[in-house]
Amino acid sequence: MQRTQRPIAARLARANPTTVFLVTLVLVLVAFFTPGVVGGLLTLLLAAGVIALLVTTWPVQTPATRVIRLLVLTLLVTAGLAKLL
């Protein structure tokens, strides 16, 4: 039985990996270098995006990939909370 992909996963599969990487890099740099509360909120917003990606792709990821993504999520949340405080 074939499982249907969620709409977001289908769009991500069609996206150009280089463009996705560069856009994500710009967002991360803006979030990290924006001072204070705004930077913290942007970092936590990026963490929310990682959570959405994790939930969408969790069933098809290997255990090693899951660990790496959870580490990235932990680092983003920690950085965001540190900027807020």
PDB file of N, CA and C in Angstrom:
ATOM      1  N   MET A   1       0.846  -1.176   0.000  1.00  0.00           N
ATOM      2  CA  MET A   1       0.000   0.000   0.000  1.00  0.00           C
ATOM      3  C   MET A   1       0.892   1.240   0.000  1.00  0.00           C
ATOM      4  N   GLN A   2       0.625   2.154  -0.873  1.00  0.00           N
ATOM      5  CA  GLN A   2       1.428   3.356  -1.007  1.00  0.00           C
ATOM      6  C   GLN A   2       0.856   4.472  -0.138  1.00  0.00           C
ATOM      7  N   ARG A   3       1.756   5.101   0.616  1.00  0.00           N
ATOM      8  CA  ARG A   3       1.325   6.220   1.452  1.00  0.00           C
ATOM      9  C   ARG A   3       1.402   7.493   0.636  1.00  0.00           C
ATOM     10  N   THR A   4       0.427   8.348   0.801  1.00  0.00           N
ATOM     11  CA  THR A   4       0.455   9.629   0.106  1.00  0.00           C
ATOM     12  C   THR A   4       1.275  10.613   0.916  1.00  0.00           C
ATOM     13  N   GLN A   5       2.004  11.473   0.224  1.00  0.00           N
ATOM     14  CA  GLN A   5       2.808  12.485   0.893  1.00  0.00           C
ATOM     15  C   GLN A   5       1.940  13.651   1.302  1.00  0.00           C
ATOM     16  N   ARG A   6       2.339  14.271   2.375  1.00  0.00           N
ATOM     17  CA  ARG A   6       1.664  15.491   2.786  1.00  0.00           C
ATOM     18  C   ARG A   6       2.033  16.594   1.807  1.00  0.00           C
ATOM     19  N   PRO A   7       1.178  17.594   1.640  1.00  0.00           N
ATOM     20  CA  PRO A   7       1.472  18.661   0.667  1.00  0.00           C
ATOM     21  C   PRO A   7       2.806  19.361   0.903  1.00  0.00           C
ATOM     22  N   ILE A   8       3.169  19.610   2.158  1.00  0.00           N
ATOM     23  CA  ILE A   8       4.431  20.290   2.436  1.00  0.00           C
ATOM     24  C   ILE A   8       5.598  19.408   2.032  1.00  0.00           C
ATOM     25  N   ALA A   9       5.520  18.125   2.338  1.00  0.00           N
ATOM     26  CA  ALA A   9       6.604  17.213   1.983  1.00  0.00           C
ATOM     27  C   ALA A   9       6.762  17.126   0.466  1.00  0.00           C
ATOM     28  N   ALA A  10       5.673  17.141  -0.258  1.00  0.00           N
ATOM     29  CA  ALA A  10       5.741  17.084  -1.720  1.00  0.00           C
ATOM     30  C   ALA A  10       6.397  18.348  -2.274  1.00  0.00           C
ATOM     31  N   ARG A  11       6.068  19.491  -1.706  1.00  0.00           N
ATOM     32  CA  ARG A  11       6.688  20.742  -2.156  1.00  0.00           C
ATOM     33  C   ARG A  11       8.168  20.781  -1.814  1.00  0.00           C
ATOM     34  N   LEU A  12       8.530  20.295  -0.630  1.00  0.00           N
ATOM     35  CA  LEU A  12       9.935  20.265  -0.244  1.00  0.00           C
ATOM     36  C   LEU A  12      10.734  19.329  -1.142  1.00  0.00           C
ATOM     37  N   ALA A  13      10.139  18.236  -1.549  1.00  0.00           N
ATOM     38  CA  ALA A  13      10.835  17.292  -2.414  1.00  0.00           C
ATOM     39  C   ALA A  13      11.133  17.907  -3.783  1.00  0.00           C
ATOM     40  N   ARG A  14      10.307  18.831  -4.234  1.00  0.00           N
ATOM     41  CA  ARG A  14      10.512  19.477  -5.531  1.00  0.00           C
ATOM     42  C   ARG A  14      11.410  20.702  -5.458  1.00  0.00           C
ATOM     43  N   ALA A  15      11.710  21.177  -4.261  1.00  0.00           N
ATOM     44  CA  ALA A  15      12.490  22.405  -4.105  1.00  0.00           C
ATOM     45  C   ALA A  15      13.949  22.177  -4.482  1.00  0.00           C
ATOM     46  N   ASN A  16      14.563  23.223  -5.009  1.00  0.00           N
ATOM     47  CA  ASN A  16      15.977  23.184  -5.343  1.00  0.00           C
ATOM     48  C   ASN A  16      16.783  23.185  -4.040  1.00  0.00           C
ATOM     49  N   PRO A  17      17.592  22.150  -3.796  1.00  0.00           N
ATOM     50  CA  PRO A  17      18.329  22.059  -2.522  1.00  0.00           C
ATOM     51  C   PRO A  17      19.266  23.240  -2.273  1.00  0.00           C
ATOM     52  N   THR A  18      19.891  23.762  -3.317  1.00  0.00           N
ATOM     53  CA  THR A  18      20.798  24.891  -3.136  1.00  0.00           C
ATOM     54  C   THR A  18      20.036  26.134  -2.691  1.00  0.00           C
ATOM     55  N   THR A  19      18.894  26.376  -3.297  1.00  0.00           N
ATOM     56  CA  THR A  19      18.080  27.532  -2.922  1.00  0.00           C
ATOM     57  C   THR A  19      17.580  27.396  -1.487  1.00  0.00           C
ATOM     58  N   VAL A  20      17.128  26.214  -1.130  1.00  0.00           N
ATOM     59  CA  VAL A  20      16.643  25.981   0.240  1.00  0.00           C
ATOM     60  C   VAL A  20      17.772  26.215   1.236  1.00  0.00           C
ATOM     61  N   PHE A  21      18.961  25.720   0.931  1.00  0.00           N
ATOM     62  CA  PHE A  21      20.108  25.909   1.817  1.00  0.00           C
ATOM     63  C   PHE A  21      20.450  27.383   1.982  1.00  0.00           C
ATOM     64  N   LEU A  22      20.512  28.111   0.876  1.00  0.00           N
ATOM     65  CA  LEU A  22      20.893  29.524   0.946  1.00  0.00           C
ATOM     66  C   LEU A  22      19.852  30.358   1.685  1.00  0.00           C
ATOM     67  N   VAL A  23      18.572  30.108   1.445  1.00  0.00           N
ATOM     68  CA  VAL A  23      17.516  30.838   2.154  1.00  0.00           C
ATOM     69  C   VAL A  23      17.577  30.534   3.644  1.00  0.00           C
ATOM     70  N   THR A  24      17.778  29.269   3.988  1.00  0.00           N
ATOM     71  CA  THR A  24      17.873  28.887   5.395  1.00  0.00           C
ATOM     72  C   THR A  24      19.092  29.519   6.045  1.00  0.00           C
ATOM     73  N   LEU A  25      20.214  29.535   5.341  1.00  0.00           N
ATOM     74  CA  LEU A  25      21.427  30.156   5.864  1.00  0.00           C
ATOM     75  C   LEU A  25      21.212  31.635   6.146  1.00  0.00           C
ATOM     76  N   VAL A  26      20.567  32.331   5.241  1.00  0.00           N
ATOM     77  CA  VAL A  26      20.291  33.760   5.438  1.00  0.00           C
ATOM     78  C   VAL A  26      19.388  33.958   6.656  1.00  0.00           C
ATOM     79  N   LEU A  27      18.348  33.137   6.773  1.00  0.00           N
ATOM     80  CA  LEU A  27      17.442  33.260   7.925  1.00  0.00           C
ATOM     81  C   LEU A  27      18.170  33.006   9.244  1.00  0.00           C
ATOM     82  N   VAL A  28      19.024  32.002   9.274  1.00  0.00           N
ATOM     83  CA  VAL A  28      19.769  31.696  10.497  1.00  0.00           C
ATOM     84  C   VAL A  28      20.716  32.842  10.848  1.00  0.00           C
ATOM     85  N   LEU A  29      21.427  33.367   9.859  1.00  0.00           N
ATOM     86  CA  LEU A  29      22.352  34.461  10.132  1.00  0.00           C
ATOM     87  C   LEU A  29      21.628  35.718  10.604  1.00  0.00           C
ATOM     88  N   VAL A  30      20.503  36.028   9.991  1.00  0.00           N
ATOM     89  CA  VAL A  30      19.720  37.187  10.433  1.00  0.00           C
ATOM     90  C   VAL A  30      19.246  36.977  11.870  1.00  0.00           C
ATOM     91  N   ALA A  31      18.752  35.773  12.169  1.00  0.00           N
ATOM     92  CA  ALA A  31      18.260  35.490  13.525  1.00  0.00           C
ATOM     93  C   ALA A  31      19.387  35.561  14.547  1.00  0.00           C
ATOM     94  N   PHE A  32      20.559  35.030  14.217  1.00  0.00           N
ATOM     95  CA  PHE A  32      21.667  35.018  15.174  1.00  0.00           C
ATOM     96  C   PHE A  32      22.283  36.392  15.385  1.00  0.00           C
ATOM     97  N   PHE A  33      22.311  37.223  14.342  1.00  0.00           N
ATOM     98  CA  PHE A  33      22.968  38.518  14.468  1.00  0.00           C
ATOM     99  C   PHE A  33      22.016  39.658  14.809  1.00  0.00           C
ATOM    100  N   THR A  34      20.725  39.395  14.847  1.00  0.00           N
ATOM    101  CA  THR A  34      19.782  40.408  15.306  1.00  0.00           C
ATOM    102  C   THR A  34      19.806  40.396  16.830  1.00  0.00           C
ATOM    103  N   PRO A  35      20.072  41.532  17.442  1.00  0.00           N
ATOM    104  CA  PRO A  35      20.231  41.541  18.902  1.00  0.00           C
ATOM    105  C   PRO A  35      18.907  41.455  19.656  1.00  0.00           C
ATOM    106  N   GLY A  36      19.024  40.996  20.890  1.00  0.00           N
ATOM    107  CA  GLY A  36      17.934  41.052  21.847  1.00  0.00           C
ATOM    108  C   GLY A  36      16.763  40.147  21.583  1.00  0.00           C
ATOM    109  N   VAL A  37      15.613  40.645  21.978  1.00  0.00           N
ATOM    110  CA  VAL A  37      14.379  39.866  21.937  1.00  0.00           C
ATOM    111  C   VAL A  37      13.993  39.494  20.502  1.00  0.00           C
ATOM    112  N   VAL A  38      14.182  40.390  19.575  1.00  0.00           N
ATOM    113  CA  VAL A  38      13.810  40.111  18.182  1.00  0.00           C
ATOM    114  C   VAL A  38      14.628  38.938  17.644  1.00  0.00           C
ATOM    115  N   GLY A  39      15.927  38.935  17.922  1.00  0.00           N
ATOM    116  CA  GLY A  39      16.778  37.827  17.494  1.00  0.00           C
ATOM    117  C   GLY A  39      16.378  36.519  18.155  1.00  0.00           C
ATOM    118  N   GLY A  40      16.028  36.584  19.423  1.00  0.00           N
ATOM    119  CA  GLY A  40      15.577  35.388  20.130  1.00  0.00           C
ATOM    120  C   GLY A  40      14.286  34.838  19.558  1.00  0.00           C
ATOM    121  N   LEU A  41      13.356  35.735  19.253  1.00  0.00           N
ATOM    122  CA  LEU A  41      12.088  35.288  18.675  1.00  0.00           C
ATOM    123  C   LEU A  41      12.277  34.713  17.271  1.00  0.00           C
ATOM    124  N   LEU A  42      13.163  35.326  16.483  1.00  0.00           N
ATOM    125  CA  LEU A  42      13.449  34.785  15.155  1.00  0.00           C
ATOM    126  C   LEU A  42      14.094  33.406  15.253  1.00  0.00           C
ATOM    127  N   THR A  43      14.979  33.225  16.218  1.00  0.00           N
ATOM    128  CA  THR A  43      15.623  31.930  16.413  1.00  0.00           C
ATOM    129  C   THR A  43      14.593  30.878  16.834  1.00  0.00           C
ATOM    130  N   LEU A  44      13.680  31.249  17.716  1.00  0.00           N
ATOM    131  CA  LEU A  44      12.637  30.314  18.127  1.00  0.00           C
ATOM    132  C   LEU A  44      11.669  30.024  16.978  1.00  0.00           C
ATOM    133  N   LEU A  45      11.462  30.990  16.103  1.00  0.00           N
ATOM    134  CA  LEU A  45      10.641  30.764  14.918  1.00  0.00           C
ATOM    135  C   LEU A  45      11.310  29.751  13.990  1.00  0.00           C
ATOM    136  N   LEU A  46      12.628  29.849  13.850  1.00  0.00           N
ATOM    137  CA  LEU A  46      13.362  28.844  13.075  1.00  0.00           C
ATOM    138  C   LEU A  46      13.246  27.470  13.725  1.00  0.00           C
ATOM    139  N   ALA A  47      13.289  27.432  15.051  1.00  0.00           N
ATOM    140  CA  ALA A  47      13.125  26.158  15.760  1.00  0.00           C
ATOM    141  C   ALA A  47      11.739  25.575  15.489  1.00  0.00           C
ATOM    142  N   ALA A  48      10.731  26.420  15.411  1.00  0.00           N
ATOM    143  CA  ALA A  48       9.385  25.936  15.082  1.00  0.00           C
ATOM    144  C   ALA A  48       9.353  25.326  13.680  1.00  0.00           C
ATOM    145  N   GLY A  49      10.102  25.930  12.749  1.00  0.00           N
ATOM    146  CA  GLY A  49      10.201  25.358  11.410  1.00  0.00           C
ATOM    147  C   GLY A  49      10.875  23.999  11.419  1.00  0.00           C
ATOM    148  N   VAL A  50      11.913  23.858  12.249  1.00  0.00           N
ATOM    149  CA  VAL A  50      12.590  22.563  12.377  1.00  0.00           C
ATOM    150  C   VAL A  50      11.638  21.529  12.974  1.00  0.00           C
ATOM    151  N   ILE A  51      10.829  21.947  13.937  1.00  0.00           N
ATOM    152  CA  ILE A  51       9.842  21.029  14.527  1.00  0.00           C
ATOM    153  C   ILE A  51       8.852  20.566  13.459  1.00  0.00           C
ATOM    154  N   ALA A  52       8.377  21.494  12.640  1.00  0.00           N
ATOM    155  CA  ALA A  52       7.445  21.121  11.572  1.00  0.00           C
ATOM    156  C   ALA A  52       8.092  20.134  10.599  1.00  0.00           C
ATOM    157  N   LEU A  53       9.346  20.374  10.274  1.00  0.00           N
ATOM    158  CA  LEU A  53      10.069  19.469   9.387  1.00  0.00           C
ATOM    159  C   LEU A  53      10.271  18.103  10.032  1.00  0.00           C
ATOM    160  N   LEU A  54      10.593  18.101  11.317  1.00  0.00           N
ATOM    161  CA  LEU A  54      10.756  16.841  12.032  1.00  0.00           C
ATOM    162  C   LEU A  54       9.467  16.018  12.045  1.00  0.00           C
ATOM    163  N   VAL A  55       8.373  16.670  12.347  1.00  0.00           N
ATOM    164  CA  VAL A  55       7.090  15.963  12.408  1.00  0.00           C
ATOM    165  C   VAL A  55       6.717  15.393  11.047  1.00  0.00           C
ATOM    166  N   THR A  56       6.982  16.154   9.997  1.00  0.00           N
ATOM    167  CA  THR A  56       6.612  15.733   8.650  1.00  0.00           C
ATOM    168  C   THR A  56       7.474  14.574   8.159  1.00  0.00           C
ATOM    169  N   THR A  57       8.765  14.606   8.469  1.00  0.00           N
ATOM    170  CA  THR A  57       9.677  13.627   7.883  1.00  0.00           C
ATOM    171  C   THR A  57      10.130  12.527   8.843  1.00  0.00           C
ATOM    172  N   TRP A  58       9.669  12.532  10.075  1.00  0.00           N
ATOM    173  CA  TRP A  58      10.128  11.582  11.080  1.00  0.00           C
ATOM    174  C   TRP A  58      10.025  10.119  10.635  1.00  0.00           C
ATOM    175  N   PRO A  59       8.904   9.692  10.047  1.00  0.00           N
ATOM    176  CA  PRO A  59       8.779   8.262   9.707  1.00  0.00           C
ATOM    177  C   PRO A  59       9.791   7.767   8.668  1.00  0.00           C
ATOM    178  N   VAL A  60      10.323   8.635   7.838  1.00  0.00           N
ATOM    179  CA  VAL A  60      11.206   8.180   6.765  1.00  0.00           C
ATOM    180  C   VAL A  60      12.681   8.437   7.061  1.00  0.00           C
ATOM    181  N   GLN A  61      13.011   8.978   8.215  1.00  0.00           N
ATOM    182  CA  GLN A  61      14.398   9.277   8.555  1.00  0.00           C
ATOM    183  C   GLN A  61      15.051   8.105   9.279  1.00  0.00           C
ATOM    184  N   THR A  62      16.362   7.977   9.078  1.00  0.00           N
ATOM    185  CA  THR A  62      17.129   6.966   9.801  1.00  0.00           C
ATOM    186  C   THR A  62      17.341   7.446  11.231  1.00  0.00           C
ATOM    187  N   PRO A  63      17.640   6.532  12.144  1.00  0.00           N
ATOM    188  CA  PRO A  63      17.883   6.957  13.530  1.00  0.00           C
ATOM    189  C   PRO A  63      19.015   7.982  13.654  1.00  0.00           C
ATOM    190  N   ALA A  64      20.062   7.858  12.858  1.00  0.00           N
ATOM    191  CA  ALA A  64      21.167   8.821  12.930  1.00  0.00           C
ATOM    192  C   ALA A  64      20.704  10.216  12.514  1.00  0.00           C
ATOM    193  N   THR A  65      19.890  10.297  11.471  1.00  0.00           N
ATOM    194  CA  THR A  65      19.372  11.587  11.021  1.00  0.00           C
ATOM    195  C   THR A  65      18.442  12.185  12.067  1.00  0.00           C
ATOM    196  N   ARG A  66      17.664  11.354  12.710  1.00  0.00           N
ATOM    197  CA  ARG A  66      16.773  11.845  13.764  1.00  0.00           C
ATOM    198  C   ARG A  66      17.567  12.468  14.899  1.00  0.00           C
ATOM    199  N   VAL A  67      18.663  11.822  15.301  1.00  0.00           N
ATOM    200  CA  VAL A  67      19.495  12.344  16.390  1.00  0.00           C
ATOM    201  C   VAL A  67      20.090  13.691  16.002  1.00  0.00           C
ATOM    202  N   ILE A  68      20.603  13.794  14.783  1.00  0.00           N
ATOM    203  CA  ILE A  68      21.201  15.058  14.328  1.00  0.00           C
ATOM    204  C   ILE A  68      20.155  16.171  14.321  1.00  0.00           C
ATOM    205  N   ARG A  69      18.972  15.871  13.826  1.00  0.00           N
ATOM    206  CA  ARG A  69      17.925  16.897  13.781  1.00  0.00           C
ATOM    207  C   ARG A  69      17.470  17.302  15.173  1.00  0.00           C
ATOM    208  N   LEU A  70      17.411  16.348  16.095  1.00  0.00           N
ATOM    209  CA  LEU A  70      17.056  16.696  17.471  1.00  0.00           C
ATOM    210  C   LEU A  70      18.141  17.547  18.118  1.00  0.00           C
ATOM    211  N   LEU A  71      19.410  17.284  17.794  1.00  0.00           N
ATOM    212  CA  LEU A  71      20.494  18.116  18.309  1.00  0.00           C
ATOM    213  C   LEU A  71      20.403  19.541  17.768  1.00  0.00           C
ATOM    214  N   VAL A  72      20.129  19.682  16.474  1.00  0.00           N
ATOM    215  CA  VAL A  72      19.976  21.009  15.876  1.00  0.00           C
ATOM    216  C   VAL A  72      18.806  21.739  16.525  1.00  0.00           C
ATOM    217  N   LEU A  73      17.710  21.034  16.739  1.00  0.00           N
ATOM    218  CA  LEU A  73      16.550  21.637  17.392  1.00  0.00           C
ATOM    219  C   LEU A  73      16.905  22.103  18.803  1.00  0.00           C
ATOM    220  N   THR A  74      17.616  21.276  19.544  1.00  0.00           N
ATOM    221  CA  THR A  74      18.023  21.636  20.904  1.00  0.00           C
ATOM    222  C   THR A  74      18.912  22.878  20.899  1.00  0.00           C
ATOM    223  N   LEU A  75      19.852  22.928  19.960  1.00  0.00           N
ATOM    224  CA  LEU A  75      20.734  24.094  19.871  1.00  0.00           C
ATOM    225  C   LEU A  75      19.966  25.365  19.505  1.00  0.00           C
ATOM    226  N   LEU A  76      19.023  25.249  18.580  1.00  0.00           N
ATOM    227  CA  LEU A  76      18.234  26.426  18.193  1.00  0.00           C
ATOM    228  C   LEU A  76      17.391  26.942  19.353  1.00  0.00           C
ATOM    229  N   VAL A  77      16.741  26.035  20.059  1.00  0.00           N
ATOM    230  CA  VAL A  77      15.898  26.450  21.188  1.00  0.00           C
ATOM    231  C   VAL A  77      16.768  27.065  22.285  1.00  0.00           C
ATOM    232  N   THR A  78      17.914  26.442  22.553  1.00  0.00           N
ATOM    233  CA  THR A  78      18.823  26.982  23.573  1.00  0.00           C
ATOM    234  C   THR A  78      19.319  28.372  23.192  1.00  0.00           C
ATOM    235  N   ALA A  79      19.721  28.536  21.938  1.00  0.00           N
ATOM    236  CA  ALA A  79      20.196  29.846  21.483  1.00  0.00           C
ATOM    237  C   ALA A  79      19.079  30.893  21.544  1.00  0.00           C
ATOM    238  N   GLY A  80      17.873  30.493  21.130  1.00  0.00           N
ATOM    239  CA  GLY A  80      16.747  31.429  21.170  1.00  0.00           C
ATOM    240  C   GLY A  80      16.393  31.866  22.568  1.00  0.00           C
ATOM    241  N   LEU A  81      16.375  30.904  23.495  1.00  0.00           N
ATOM    242  CA  LEU A  81      16.067  31.247  24.883  1.00  0.00           C
ATOM    243  C   LEU A  81      17.180  32.079  25.507  1.00  0.00           C
ATOM    244  N   ALA A  82      18.432  31.786  25.154  1.00  0.00           N
ATOM    245  CA  ALA A  82      19.551  32.565  25.691  1.00  0.00           C
ATOM    246  C   ALA A  82      19.468  34.024  25.211  1.00  0.00           C
ATOM    247  N   LYS A  83      19.060  34.230  23.981  1.00  0.00           N
ATOM    248  CA  LYS A  83      18.925  35.606  23.470  1.00  0.00           C
ATOM    249  C   LYS A  83      17.769  36.339  24.131  1.00  0.00           C
ATOM    250  N   LEU A  84      16.728  35.595  24.486  1.00  0.00           N
ATOM    251  CA  LEU A  84      15.583  36.228  25.143  1.00  0.00           C
ATOM    252  C   LEU A  84      15.907  36.634  26.569  1.00  0.00           C
ATOM    253  N   LEU A  85      16.733  35.861  27.225  1.00  0.00           N
ATOM    254  CA  LEU A  85      17.063  36.147  28.625  1.00  0.00           C
ATOM    255  C   LEU A  85      18.290  36.974  28.654  1.00  0.00           C
TER     256      LEU A  85
END
